[in-house]
Protein backbone atom coordinates (compact mmCIF):
# COMPACT_ATOMS: atom_id res chain seq x y z
CA UNK A 1 -31.95 -15.04 13.53
CA UNK A 2 -28.77 -13.63 15.04
CA UNK A 3 -27.19 -15.00 18.20
CA UNK A 4 -24.29 -13.19 19.82
CA UNK A 5 -21.53 -14.80 21.89
CA UNK A 6 -21.44 -11.85 24.29
CA UNK A 7 -21.94 -13.67 27.58
CA UNK A 8 -18.38 -13.92 28.88
CA UNK A 9 -17.31 -15.96 31.84
CA UNK A 10 -16.61 -12.92 34.01
CA UNK A 11 -19.23 -10.49 32.71
CA UNK A 12 -21.94 -9.98 30.12
CA UNK A 13 -20.24 -7.48 27.81
CA UNK A 14 -23.53 -6.40 26.26
CA UNK A 15 -24.07 -4.65 29.64
CA UNK A 16 -20.50 -4.19 30.89
CA UNK A 17 -19.54 -0.74 29.60
CA UNK A 18 -16.15 -0.94 31.39
CA UNK A 19 -15.02 -3.61 28.93
CA UNK A 20 -13.68 -2.35 25.59
CA UNK A 21 -15.43 -5.24 23.82
CA UNK A 22 -18.73 -3.44 24.62
CA UNK A 23 -17.88 -1.10 21.70
CA UNK A 24 -19.86 -3.23 19.18
CA UNK A 25 -22.47 -4.92 21.34
CA UNK A 26 -25.11 -2.24 21.66
CA UNK A 27 -25.30 -1.66 17.91
CA UNK A 28 -25.28 -5.37 17.03
CA UNK A 29 -27.86 -6.54 19.58
CA UNK A 30 -30.32 -3.75 18.68
CA UNK A 31 -30.04 -4.01 14.90
CA UNK A 32 -29.68 -7.81 14.64
CA UNK A 33 -31.99 -9.20 17.32
CA UNK A 34 -32.22 -12.77 18.62
CA UNK A 35 -35.59 -14.55 18.56
CA UNK A 36 -34.75 -16.78 21.52
CA UNK A 37 -32.75 -16.21 24.66
CA UNK A 38 -29.67 -18.42 25.00
CA UNK A 39 -29.29 -20.51 28.13
CA UNK A 40 -26.59 -19.59 30.62
CA UNK A 41 -23.48 -21.74 30.18
CA UNK A 42 -21.50 -23.43 32.93
CA UNK A 43 -17.93 -22.44 32.23
CA UNK A 44 -14.96 -24.48 33.54
CA UNK A 45 -12.58 -23.17 36.17
CA UNK A 46 -9.74 -21.38 34.41
CA UNK A 47 -6.17 -21.27 35.70
CA UNK A 48 -4.45 -18.17 34.29
CA UNK A 49 -0.65 -17.89 34.36
CA UNK A 50 1.38 -14.80 33.42
CA UNK A 51 4.96 -15.73 32.50
CA UNK A 52 7.71 -13.10 32.26
CA UNK A 53 10.62 -13.95 29.89
CA UNK A 54 13.58 -11.75 29.06
CA UNK A 55 13.84 -12.62 25.34
CA UNK A 56 11.91 -13.96 22.36
CA UNK A 57 13.98 -17.14 22.37
CA UNK A 58 13.21 -17.49 26.09
CA UNK A 59 9.51 -17.46 25.18
CA UNK A 60 9.93 -20.23 22.60
CA UNK A 61 11.92 -22.36 25.08
CA UNK A 62 9.24 -21.94 27.72
CA UNK A 63 6.53 -22.97 25.24
CA UNK A 64 8.56 -26.09 24.42
CA UNK A 65 8.78 -26.86 28.13
CA UNK A 66 5.00 -26.44 28.52
CA UNK A 67 4.31 -28.81 25.64
CA UNK A 68 6.76 -31.35 27.07
CA UNK A 69 5.50 -31.25 30.65
CA UNK A 70 2.02 -29.77 31.11
CA UNK A 71 0.48 -30.82 27.80
CA UNK A 72 2.36 -34.02 27.04
CA UNK A 73 -0.84 -36.13 27.23
CA UNK A 74 -2.88 -33.81 25.03
CA UNK A 75 -3.43 -35.00 21.47
CA UNK A 76 -2.91 -31.46 20.20
CA UNK A 77 -6.35 -30.58 18.90
CA UNK A 78 -7.42 -29.32 22.36
CA UNK A 79 -4.51 -26.87 22.57
CA UNK A 80 -3.81 -23.63 20.73
CA UNK A 81 -0.51 -21.76 20.48
CA UNK A 82 -1.34 -18.15 19.59
CA UNK A 83 1.46 -15.89 18.33
CA UNK A 84 0.56 -12.26 18.99
CA UNK A 85 3.86 -11.32 17.31
CA UNK A 86 3.87 -13.40 14.11
CA UNK A 87 7.59 -12.85 13.49
CA UNK A 88 8.09 -15.45 16.23
CA UNK A 89 6.82 -18.21 13.89
CA UNK A 90 10.18 -19.54 12.65
CA UNK A 91 11.98 -19.55 16.05
CA UNK A 92 8.91 -21.26 17.52
CA UNK A 93 8.98 -24.01 14.88
CA UNK A 94 12.61 -24.74 15.74
CA UNK A 95 11.80 -24.84 19.48
CA UNK A 96 8.85 -27.24 19.27
CA UNK A 97 9.53 -30.70 20.75
CA UNK A 98 9.58 -33.68 18.35
CA UNK A 99 9.65 -37.44 18.82
CA UNK A 100 12.99 -38.00 17.14
CA UNK A 101 14.85 -35.44 19.22
CA UNK A 102 18.16 -36.91 20.37
CA UNK A 103 19.17 -33.94 22.48
CA UNK A 104 18.40 -33.97 26.20
CA UNK A 105 18.30 -31.01 28.51
CA UNK A 106 21.22 -30.83 30.95
CA UNK A 107 19.25 -29.47 33.89
CA UNK A 108 16.00 -31.40 33.53
CA UNK A 109 14.73 -34.64 32.09
CA UNK A 110 13.06 -34.01 28.75
CA UNK A 111 9.81 -35.82 28.09
CA UNK A 112 9.29 -36.49 24.41
CA UNK A 113 6.04 -35.11 23.01
CA UNK A 114 3.54 -37.87 22.23
CA UNK A 115 2.16 -36.02 19.22
CA UNK A 116 4.58 -33.75 17.35
CA UNK A 117 2.07 -32.81 14.62
CA UNK A 118 1.52 -29.09 14.15
CA UNK A 119 -1.18 -27.35 12.11
CA UNK A 120 -0.11 -23.82 11.16
CA UNK A 121 -2.93 -21.49 10.13
CA UNK A 122 -0.79 -18.39 9.69
CA UNK A 123 1.55 -17.25 6.93
CA UNK A 124 5.32 -17.18 6.82
CA UNK A 125 6.32 -13.55 6.11
CA UNK A 126 8.70 -13.11 3.17
CA UNK A 127 10.40 -10.27 5.04
CA UNK A 128 11.92 -12.93 7.34
CA UNK A 129 13.57 -14.74 4.41
CA UNK A 130 16.95 -14.51 2.69
CA UNK A 131 15.09 -13.65 -0.52
CA UNK A 132 13.69 -10.42 0.94
CA UNK A 133 17.12 -9.52 2.32
CA UNK A 134 18.77 -10.09 -1.07
CA UNK A 135 16.20 -7.96 -2.96
CA UNK A 136 16.72 -5.21 -0.37
CA UNK A 137 20.52 -5.32 -0.86
CA UNK A 138 20.30 -5.50 -4.67
CA UNK A 139 17.93 -2.54 -5.07
CA UNK A 140 19.87 -0.54 -2.49
CA UNK A 141 23.11 -1.29 -4.37
CA UNK A 142 21.74 0.16 -7.61
CA UNK A 143 19.90 3.11 -6.06
CA UNK A 144 23.29 4.34 -4.73
CA UNK A 145 25.16 3.65 -8.01
CA UNK A 146 27.05 6.58 -9.54
CA UNK A 147 28.14 6.62 -13.20
CA UNK A 148 31.27 8.54 -12.27
CA UNK A 149 32.29 6.70 -9.11
CA UNK A 150 30.65 3.25 -9.35
CA UNK A 151 29.15 1.23 -6.51
CA UNK A 152 29.56 2.06 -2.83
CA UNK A 153 32.03 -0.33 -1.21
CA UNK A 154 29.77 -0.97 1.78
CA UNK A 155 26.91 -1.99 -0.55
CA UNK A 156 29.19 -4.36 -2.50
CA UNK A 157 30.53 -5.91 0.68
CA UNK A 158 26.97 -6.42 2.01
CA UNK A 159 25.71 -8.22 -1.08
CA UNK A 160 28.84 -10.38 -1.35
CA UNK A 161 28.27 -11.43 2.26
CA UNK A 162 24.70 -12.59 1.61
CA UNK A 163 24.36 -16.33 2.45
CA UNK A 164 22.96 -17.32 -0.97
CA UNK A 165 25.68 -15.41 -2.84
CA UNK A 166 28.42 -16.85 -0.63
CA UNK A 167 27.17 -20.41 -1.28
CA UNK A 168 27.03 -19.98 -5.06
CA UNK A 169 30.01 -17.71 -5.71
CA UNK A 170 32.49 -18.40 -2.92
CA UNK A 171 35.45 -19.01 -5.24
CA UNK A 172 34.87 -15.87 -7.30
CA UNK A 173 34.31 -13.71 -4.22
CA UNK A 174 37.70 -14.74 -2.84
CA UNK A 175 39.38 -13.50 -6.02
CA UNK A 176 38.42 -9.90 -5.28
CA UNK A 177 41.54 -8.04 -4.14
CA UNK A 178 41.23 -6.98 -0.52
CA UNK A 179 42.76 -3.61 -1.45
CA UNK A 180 39.52 -2.48 -3.12
CA UNK A 181 37.87 -2.30 0.29
CA UNK A 182 40.01 0.74 1.14
CA UNK A 183 38.12 2.79 -1.45
CA UNK A 184 34.72 4.36 -0.85
CA UNK A 185 33.53 3.38 -4.35
CA UNK A 186 34.24 0.44 -6.64
CA UNK A 187 34.02 0.49 -10.43
CA UNK A 188 31.97 -2.39 -11.92
CA UNK A 189 34.97 -3.39 -14.08
CA UNK A 190 36.97 -4.42 -11.00
CA UNK A 191 34.31 -6.90 -9.87
CA UNK A 192 34.37 -10.53 -11.14
CA UNK A 193 32.60 -11.05 -14.48
CA UNK A 194 33.32 -14.76 -15.10
CA UNK A 195 30.43 -15.75 -12.84
CA UNK A 196 27.03 -15.24 -14.53
CA UNK A 197 25.26 -14.42 -11.27
CA UNK A 198 27.81 -11.83 -10.11
CA UNK A 199 27.94 -10.32 -13.60
CA UNK A 200 24.16 -9.73 -13.56
CA UNK A 201 24.25 -8.35 -10.02
CA UNK A 202 26.97 -5.81 -10.82
CA UNK A 203 25.80 -4.80 -14.30
CA UNK A 204 24.68 -1.15 -14.04
CA UNK A 205 21.01 -0.74 -15.03
CA UNK A 206 18.60 2.18 -15.01
CA UNK A 207 15.20 2.29 -13.32
CA UNK A 208 13.45 0.97 -16.45
CA UNK A 209 15.44 -2.27 -16.53
CA UNK A 210 16.29 -2.90 -12.87
CA UNK A 211 13.22 -5.09 -12.22
CA UNK A 212 13.89 -7.15 -15.37
CA UNK A 213 17.45 -7.69 -14.16
CA UNK A 214 16.14 -8.68 -10.73
CA UNK A 215 13.81 -11.29 -12.27
CA UNK A 216 16.72 -12.84 -14.21
CA UNK A 217 18.78 -13.04 -11.01
CA UNK A 218 15.82 -14.62 -9.19
CA UNK A 219 15.74 -17.43 -11.76
CA UNK A 220 19.44 -18.15 -11.17
CA UNK A 221 18.98 -18.17 -7.39
CA UNK A 222 15.82 -20.30 -7.42
CA UNK A 223 17.64 -23.42 -8.64
CA UNK A 224 20.12 -23.34 -5.76
CA UNK A 225 18.08 -22.69 -2.60
CA UNK A 226 15.83 -24.78 -0.32
CA UNK A 227 12.08 -25.24 -0.84
CA UNK A 228 10.92 -22.39 1.41
CA UNK A 229 13.32 -19.93 -0.24
CA UNK A 230 12.18 -21.17 -3.68
CA UNK A 231 8.60 -20.39 -2.72
CA UNK A 232 9.69 -16.96 -1.42
CA UNK A 233 11.43 -16.25 -4.73
CA UNK A 234 8.31 -17.34 -6.64
CA UNK A 235 6.02 -15.06 -4.61
CA UNK A 236 8.49 -12.16 -4.83
CA UNK A 237 8.79 -12.62 -8.62
CA UNK A 238 5.00 -12.41 -8.97
CA UNK A 239 5.00 -9.10 -7.08
CA UNK A 240 7.93 -7.78 -9.13
CA UNK A 241 6.10 -8.69 -12.38
CA UNK A 242 2.98 -6.92 -11.14
CA UNK A 243 4.85 -3.71 -10.30
CA UNK A 244 6.77 -3.86 -13.58
CA UNK A 245 3.58 -4.17 -15.65
CA UNK A 246 2.06 -1.18 -13.81
CA UNK A 247 5.17 0.94 -14.38
CA UNK A 248 5.17 0.07 -18.08
CA UNK A 249 1.47 0.87 -18.41
CA UNK A 250 1.87 4.33 -16.87
CA UNK A 251 5.38 5.12 -18.14
CA UNK A 252 4.06 8.03 -20.25
CA UNK A 253 2.28 9.52 -17.21
CA UNK A 254 4.92 9.26 -14.49
CA UNK A 255 8.63 8.60 -14.42
CA UNK A 256 9.93 6.49 -11.52
CA UNK A 257 13.57 6.57 -10.41
CA UNK A 258 15.47 3.74 -8.72
CA UNK A 259 14.93 5.23 -5.25
CA UNK A 260 11.14 5.19 -5.72
CA UNK A 261 11.26 1.61 -7.07
CA UNK A 262 13.25 0.54 -4.01
CA UNK A 263 10.65 2.04 -1.67
CA UNK A 264 7.68 0.64 -3.60
CA UNK A 265 9.07 -2.91 -3.85
CA UNK A 266 10.18 -3.16 -0.22
CA UNK A 267 6.87 -1.79 1.11
CA UNK A 268 4.94 -4.34 -1.01
CA UNK A 269 7.14 -7.33 -0.11
CA UNK A 270 6.78 -6.57 3.61
CA UNK A 271 3.10 -7.55 3.34
CA UNK A 272 3.55 -10.83 1.40
CA UNK A 273 3.15 -14.13 3.28
CA UNK A 274 3.58 -17.78 2.31
CA UNK A 275 0.72 -20.09 3.25
CA UNK A 276 1.38 -23.40 4.98
CA UNK A 277 -0.69 -26.53 4.28
CA UNK A 278 -1.68 -28.60 7.32
CA UNK A 279 -4.32 -30.93 8.76
CA UNK A 280 -6.78 -28.76 10.71
CA UNK A 281 -8.19 -31.68 12.73
CA UNK A 282 -4.97 -32.98 14.26
CA UNK A 283 -1.94 -31.69 16.07
CA UNK A 284 -1.16 -28.53 17.98
CA UNK A 285 -3.00 -25.56 16.49
CA UNK A 286 -0.55 -22.71 15.85
CA UNK A 287 -2.24 -19.49 14.78
CA UNK A 288 -2.49 -15.73 14.98
CA UNK A 289 -5.09 -14.05 17.20
CA UNK A 290 -7.58 -13.38 14.39
CA UNK A 291 -7.58 -17.09 13.42
CA UNK A 292 -8.94 -18.04 16.88
CA UNK A 293 -12.37 -16.53 16.22
CA UNK A 294 -15.30 -18.92 16.93
CA UNK A 295 -12.89 -21.62 18.16
CA UNK A 296 -12.61 -23.03 21.68
CA UNK A 297 -9.65 -24.81 23.27
CA UNK A 298 -8.97 -26.41 26.64
CA UNK A 299 -5.40 -25.13 26.75
CA UNK A 300 -4.27 -21.79 25.36
CA UNK A 301 -0.74 -20.38 25.14
CA UNK A 302 -0.36 -16.79 23.96
CA UNK A 303 3.15 -15.46 23.31
CA UNK A 304 4.33 -11.81 23.13
CA UNK A 305 1.44 -10.83 25.40
CA UNK A 306 2.85 -7.31 25.76
CA UNK A 307 1.27 -3.90 25.85
CA UNK A 308 1.85 -2.45 22.39
CA UNK A 309 1.69 -5.89 20.77
CA UNK A 310 -1.56 -7.16 22.29
CA UNK A 311 -3.42 -4.99 21.49
CA UNK A 312 -1.35 -3.34 18.79
CA UNK A 313 -0.54 0.29 19.34
CA UNK A 314 -1.15 1.31 15.71
CA UNK A 315 -3.76 0.59 13.06
CA UNK A 316 -1.37 0.45 10.11
CA UNK A 317 -0.19 3.18 7.78
CA UNK A 318 -2.84 5.51 6.42
CA UNK A 319 -3.04 9.02 5.01
CA UNK A 320 -6.41 9.58 6.72
CA UNK A 321 -5.93 11.23 10.14
CA UNK A 322 -7.79 10.23 13.31
CA UNK A 323 -9.81 13.47 13.29
CA UNK A 324 -11.36 12.42 9.95
CA UNK A 325 -11.63 8.71 10.75
CA UNK A 326 -13.64 9.17 13.95
CA UNK A 327 -16.61 11.25 12.65
CA UNK A 328 -16.95 9.20 9.45
CA UNK A 329 -16.98 5.86 11.22
CA UNK A 330 -13.72 4.58 9.80
CA UNK A 331 -11.59 2.15 11.89
CA UNK A 332 -9.70 3.84 14.73
CA UNK A 333 -7.54 2.63 17.61
CA UNK A 334 -10.71 2.22 19.73
CA UNK A 335 -12.16 -0.02 17.04
CA UNK A 336 -8.99 -2.14 17.04
CA UNK A 337 -8.84 -2.32 20.85
CA UNK A 338 -12.45 -3.53 20.88
CA UNK A 339 -11.66 -6.32 18.41
CA UNK A 340 -8.68 -7.48 20.47
CA UNK A 341 -10.71 -7.32 23.71
CA UNK A 342 -13.59 -9.34 22.29
CA UNK A 343 -11.31 -12.00 20.76
CA UNK A 344 -9.31 -12.35 23.98
CA UNK A 345 -12.23 -12.67 26.41
CA UNK A 346 -14.19 -14.95 24.07
CA UNK A 347 -11.14 -17.21 23.60
CA UNK A 348 -10.38 -17.76 27.30
CA UNK A 349 -13.92 -18.20 28.63
CA UNK A 350 -14.17 -21.94 27.84
CA UNK A 351 -10.49 -22.74 28.51
CA UNK A 352 -9.20 -24.67 31.51
CA UNK A 353 -5.59 -23.44 31.32
CA UNK A 354 -4.26 -20.17 29.91
CA UNK A 355 -0.59 -19.21 29.73
CA UNK A 356 0.14 -15.56 28.86
CA UNK A 357 3.84 -15.20 28.04
CA UNK A 358 5.34 -11.73 27.70
CA UNK A 359 8.76 -10.21 26.99
CA UNK A 360 10.15 -8.01 29.76
CA UNK A 361 12.46 -6.11 27.39
CA UNK A 362 11.62 -2.69 25.96
CA UNK A 363 12.44 -3.16 22.25
CA UNK A 364 11.90 -1.45 18.90
CA UNK A 365 9.17 -3.85 17.69
CA UNK A 366 6.42 -2.14 19.67
CA UNK A 367 6.87 -4.10 22.90
CA UNK A 368 6.88 -1.86 25.97
CA UNK A 369 8.37 -4.49 28.29
CA UNK A 370 5.14 -4.59 30.34
CA UNK A 371 2.35 -7.15 30.27
CA UNK A 372 -0.84 -6.43 28.32
CA UNK A 373 -3.61 -4.37 29.91
CA UNK A 374 -5.95 -7.37 29.74
CA UNK A 375 -4.18 -9.07 32.65
CA UNK A 376 -4.74 -6.02 34.86
CA UNK A 377 -8.39 -5.92 33.74
CA UNK A 378 -8.85 -9.55 34.79
CA UNK A 379 -7.35 -8.76 38.19
CA UNK A 380 -8.97 -5.40 38.98
CA UNK A 381 -12.25 -5.48 37.03
CA UNK A 382 -13.18 -9.13 37.51
CA UNK A 383 -11.14 -10.18 40.60
CA UNK A 384 -9.49 -13.08 38.76
CA UNK A 385 -6.45 -14.63 40.42
CA UNK A 386 -3.43 -14.61 38.06
CA UNK A 387 -0.39 -16.78 38.81
CA UNK A 388 2.76 -14.77 38.04
CA UNK A 389 5.91 -16.65 37.03
CA UNK A 390 9.30 -15.17 36.16
CA UNK A 391 11.61 -17.18 33.91
CA UNK A 392 15.31 -16.31 33.72
CA UNK A 393 18.10 -17.77 31.63
CA UNK A 394 20.78 -19.77 33.39
CA UNK A 395 24.23 -18.62 32.35
CA UNK A 396 27.46 -20.56 32.68
CA UNK A 397 30.84 -18.88 32.81
CA UNK A 398 33.47 -20.85 30.93
CA UNK A 399 37.16 -20.72 31.67
CA UNK A 400 39.20 -18.34 29.55
CA UNK A 401 41.31 -20.35 27.16
CA UNK A 402 44.41 -19.05 25.46
CA UNK A 403 43.58 -17.91 21.92
CA UNK A 404 46.11 -19.18 19.40
CA UNK A 405 45.66 -18.43 15.71
CA UNK A 406 48.20 -20.15 13.50
CA UNK A 407 49.47 -17.98 10.66
CA UNK A 408 50.97 -19.11 7.40
CA UNK A 409 53.75 -17.22 5.62
CA UNK A 410 51.12 -15.71 3.34
CA UNK A 411 49.17 -14.43 6.37
CA UNK A 412 52.33 -12.88 7.85
CA UNK A 413 53.07 -11.15 4.52
CA UNK A 414 49.58 -9.61 4.51
CA UNK A 415 49.98 -8.43 8.12
CA UNK A 416 53.38 -6.87 7.33
CA UNK A 417 51.86 -5.12 4.32
CA UNK A 418 49.39 -3.30 6.60
CA UNK A 419 51.81 -2.71 9.46
CA UNK A 420 54.84 -1.57 7.43
CA UNK A 421 53.51 -0.23 4.11
CA UNK A 422 49.82 0.59 4.05
CA UNK A 423 49.29 1.44 7.71
CA UNK A 424 46.21 1.03 9.92
CA UNK A 425 43.57 3.67 10.50
CA UNK A 426 42.67 4.45 14.12
CA UNK A 427 39.06 3.31 13.49
CA UNK A 428 40.09 -0.09 12.15
CA UNK A 429 42.54 -0.62 15.01
CA UNK A 430 39.92 0.41 17.57
CA UNK A 431 37.35 -1.97 16.02
CA UNK A 432 39.88 -4.79 16.15
């Protein structure tokens, strides 16, 4: 027997054609029939709040405030924190209230959370890590390498400024003569070779050996970073090994240059996530929207509840156009909208409190700066009262203090060198 959870609090979507979630219902209920009719449920009264914030960090701070005030007596398992934009995971972890917090808010009394446990059922994207950033800089450095000219100065400066490289090679980086930065290109011979890590980074290598060189560098970095970065390096190394073995297998069929390797590796690493281990039966449940399926919570907080993010405005990269997808029954934007609609309405129907937090900015990550269409549907299709709240940051203007930078004789010599001998370009002076 098949039994479908299609009876929503506000409408029966198997009959409500206005609701996008109706997209699947007719097919499912006809092909997979139920032997018995389910009894009508008595759903709790639901208070729905729409909160406007003007930044991602503002969203995380508001969530922290909710957990401290509204949900301080909840043991966690009854509450779900849903991240529509999963890149908000790390800032959200830093913003969560904990028992041992010694800091206290200046403008309000902070109530310590009674249960700081968190169960994370979503992955940490490698693209948010220092490891991903380093691989990007390294491959970009070598894709722009010229045998005649050397490395581009901007690429060298970028990789020498990477946090992991600065921590491990600070002394050797300082030895590099500042004069080299006035050239567009830098020869590898000028760069420090005493340090094993820097020597491997700046050793010219062709497309056949660049991934091998990257794996050797990863081993050197792995011993000197924190646990999360170590795991990122491990996962990245597995992907690099996989690509390398494929390139070797088909080397007689196709020849790949360093530009193609850069594009292949970065596109693969963007999709890699680290999995967290947690206790699913205790603590606040932090998850993505797809992880909420078949689960019910009393209190639900959804962040990044923006049009373009919830639902997403694209279905991922594909070479198959919409005109081919539609007639052959392949997933389209309508299919994706229906999935989001069903998951949203099913999630909130048994909840007592729902907070929908959205970013009012129009940014490059797909957010339009307006709240998701589902709020307007609740209001105009189902006559649901939504409490609108606007949250703004409080800014404090500090007094201007006199800026005094003490200069040693060595500093003064360097300044005179530029002012009296070398000269300053208009661009540099303008930037200063």
